Protein backbone atom coordinates (compact mmCIF):
# COMPACT_ATOMS: atom_id res chain seq x y z
CA MET A 1 0.01 0.31 -0.15
CA LEU A 2 1.38 3.20 -1.13
CA LYS A 3 0.12 6.49 1.11
CA ILE A 4 0.72 10.02 0.39
CA ASN A 5 0.01 12.96 2.63
CA TYR A 6 0.26 16.16 0.92
CA LEU A 7 -0.72 19.86 0.82
CA ASP A 8 -3.26 21.07 -1.79
CA GLY A 9 -2.44 24.88 -1.43
CA SER A 10 -2.93 24.92 2.57
CA THR A 11 -5.22 22.06 2.81
CA HIS A 12 -3.86 18.64 4.26
CA GLU A 13 -4.92 15.74 2.08
CA SER A 14 -4.24 12.03 1.96
CA ILE A 15 -4.63 9.46 -0.97
CA GLU A 16 -3.89 5.61 -1.04
CA TYR A 17 -2.70 3.19 -4.00
CA LYS A 18 -2.56 -0.45 -3.92
CA SER A 19 1.13 -0.19 -4.96
CA ALA A 20 3.43 2.09 -6.68
CA THR A 21 2.71 0.74 -9.84
CA ASP A 22 -1.25 1.86 -9.46
CA PHE A 23 0.31 5.25 -8.53
CA MET A 24 2.51 5.62 -11.44
CA ALA A 25 -0.07 4.26 -14.02
CA ASN A 26 -2.82 7.23 -12.52
CA GLN A 27 0.16 9.71 -12.88
CA ARG A 28 0.23 8.89 -16.65
CA LEU A 29 -3.22 9.46 -17.42
CA GLU A 30 -4.62 12.60 -19.02
CA VAL A 31 -6.21 13.65 -15.97
CA PRO A 32 -4.10 12.32 -12.86
CA ASP A 33 -5.39 12.11 -9.38
CA LEU A 34 -2.64 14.29 -8.27
CA GLU A 35 -1.03 17.53 -9.52
CA ASP A 36 2.87 17.20 -10.15
CA TYR A 37 3.39 20.57 -7.81
CA TYR A 38 1.85 19.27 -4.77
CA LYS A 39 4.06 19.35 -1.96
CA ILE A 40 4.43 15.99 -0.19
CA GLU A 41 4.18 16.28 3.79
CA SER A 42 5.18 12.16 4.10
CA VAL A 43 4.67 9.09 1.81
CA THR A 44 4.98 5.69 3.11
CA LEU A 45 5.35 2.40 0.99
CA ASP A 46 4.09 -0.86 2.75
CA GLY A 47 4.06 1.21 6.13
CA LYS A 48 7.93 2.08 5.49
CA PRO A 49 9.12 5.88 4.86
CA VAL A 50 9.95 6.64 1.25
CA ASP A 51 12.77 9.29 1.41
CA LEU A 52 12.58 11.52 -1.33
CA GLU A 53 15.02 14.80 -2.38
CA ASP A 54 12.36 16.38 -4.24
CA LYS A 55 8.99 16.62 -1.91
CA THR A 56 6.50 16.79 -4.77
CA ILE A 57 4.47 14.47 -6.56
CA ILE A 58 6.64 14.82 -9.43
CA GLY A 59 9.73 14.03 -7.46
CA LEU A 60 7.93 10.77 -6.19
CA TYR A 61 7.00 9.86 -9.55
CA LYS A 62 10.66 10.39 -11.00
CA LYS A 63 11.95 8.26 -7.91
CA PHE A 64 9.71 5.22 -8.57
CA ASP A 65 10.53 5.76 -12.27
CA SER A 66 14.21 5.49 -11.62
CA GLN A 67 13.66 2.44 -10.08
CA GLY A 68 11.75 1.04 -12.47
CA VAL A 69 8.44 0.70 -11.35
């Protein structure tokens, strides 16, 4: 399970995906769930924190993409 806590403007939001693969597939859609520029507060994959240098949705996407997800 991938859980993302993020800021949409000044609103704290949360979204979950079954897997990193599901997140990646959704972000490739013409209208994804999340905007690339949203700031990530925290993200966990299978209950373990994911370290990010770029704490945005596009930063998370690029991290998984570089790992071949």
